[in-house]
Amino acid sequence: MTHVGKMSSIYNYSGFLQLGKQCSKFSTSSLCSMSVAAQPKIQENIKPKTGILMLNMGGPSTTDKVGEYLHRIMTDRDMIQLPVQSRLGPWIAQRRTQEVQKKYTEIGGGSPILKWTNKQGELLAKKLDEISPESGPHKHYVAFRYADPLTEETLQKIEEDGVQHTILFSQYPQYSCATSGSSFNAIHRFYKNRKFPENTKLSVIDRWATHPLLIKTFAERIKEELNHFSENVRDEVIILFSAHSLPLKAVNRGDPYPSEVGATVQLVMEELKFCNPYNLVWQSKVGPLPWLGPFTDEALRDYKKQGKNNFILVPIAFVNEHIETLHEMDIEYCTDLGKELKIDNIRRAQAPNDHPLFIEALADLVVNHLKSDRLVTPKFLNRCPHCVNMNCVESKKWFSKICRAQEGQQRD
C-alpha cells in the first residue's frame, strides 16, 4: 500500500498522490459525515494595525488548480531536487495532473485547507480584538506555498493595507525545514531584491508544539472518539498518533520535527492521564530511501497480528483537514486497511479545525508574542547542524538582520 501526501512529493516524485475511494462512501471514519466549514466573509474594509500571516503549504481548492499546484511543487528546488529540473519538473507535473485531479474529486473536488484556515483566522482575529484591543484591529492573512493565495501575493496585500506589525505565524505546530522552513524561506525571497517597508514591524511565531491549549485540544478530540467505543473495550483502545514522516537523511541532518512531534504526544497522553496504550507512528512514506518509522499501516498490520482490534488514529501534526487526513487516514487506513485486516473498530480523531480550545490556543500564542520583547527566537535563527541548504543560510541571516534591528529599536 502506497501513501503519498504533499510533503512526500518533496522527496520522491514517483507515485505522487496515490489516492483511493471517496470518504463519504464509508462509515468507519469519524469524519465521513462532517461538513467542511464554509469560507468566512473576509472584512476587506478593515484598516489593520496587526496582521497575522498564517503560513501553510496549501492545496488546490478546485480540480482545475491541480496542474499549476503540481507545477509549483515540481519546479521548486527548495523542496525537491530533480536532474534537469526546469524540464523534468514540468513534465512530471503535467503527467500527474489528470490522475491527481481525479483523486481530489474523490474527496469533494479540492483541498479544504483554505476554507479551514480562513475560518480559523477569522475566529482568531475576532478573539484578538476582544482580548487585546491595544494591538487591534487585527486581520488574518493566508500565505500558501503552492496554491492560492500564494505567499508573494499576500505579502503585497499586507503592504497595500499598511499593516504596522506583521506576525508570521506558522500553522505547523512542530517545525520542519521542509514545511515551516520552506514558508519562511519564501518570505525571504520576496524581500531579497526589494526594500523592506519602513515603519513596519516583523516578528515570527515559528513553533508551538507544547502549548497547553493545543495539548488540551488534541486530548478533547481523542476523548470524543473514545466515547464511541463500548465500555468493555474502551481501556484497550490503542491510540496511534500519526504524523507525516521524513526521510532519515533529513532527520540525520538535524531536522527538529521528530522530537517536537514526540513532545506533543507525550504531553497529550499526560493530559489524558495515560489512560490508554499509545504509540507514535509515521505516514506518507514513499520511494526506496529510508524514512522515519514505524509506519502507520505497518503498525496496524502488526498490532492486528498481536490480537489488537480497537484503534484511534490521531493526526498529531495537522491543524486542519486535508488530503492526508481525509484520504490517507480516513480511506486508506480506517476503511480499506481496516476491512482488509478485519479490525473490529478503527476511528480517526478530528484535526483541531475550529475547536474553541484551539482558537484560544492561537489567540494566546499571539497575545503572549505581542507582549514579548523578542521578535524572533534564537532557535529559529539557528540552522540544523548538518544544514546544506544555502537558501536557509541567506534566509536566517535576513530574519536576524530585520528582527534583531527592530528588537533594538523596540528596547530604545
Foldseek 3Di string as FASTA:
>chain_A
DAFADDLQCLEPVPPHHPFDAALCVDDQAPCNPPDQAAADDFDPPFLWQEEEEEEWADKFAALVLQLQLQLLSQQDVLRHDDVVSVPPSNVSSVVCSVVVQVRCVSHPGMWSVNRLVNVLQVLLQVVCCVPPVVNTNYGYHYDHPRYPPHNLVRVVVCVVSVHQEYEHEYQFQFDFCNILVVRLLVVCVSCVPPDDDPNHHYFYDRHHLPQPLLLVLLLVLVVVVLVVDDPVCSLAAEEEEEEAKDFVVRVVLFTRRVVSLVNSVVSSCVVVVVSHHYDYAYENHDDDGHIDGDHPLVVVVVVVVVVAAHYEYEPSRHQADTCCVRTVCSPVPSPPSCVVSVRPHYYYGHHSRVPPSVSVSVNVVVVVCVVDLQRYDPVQLDDRNNDDDVSSVSSSVVCCVRRVVVSVVVVD
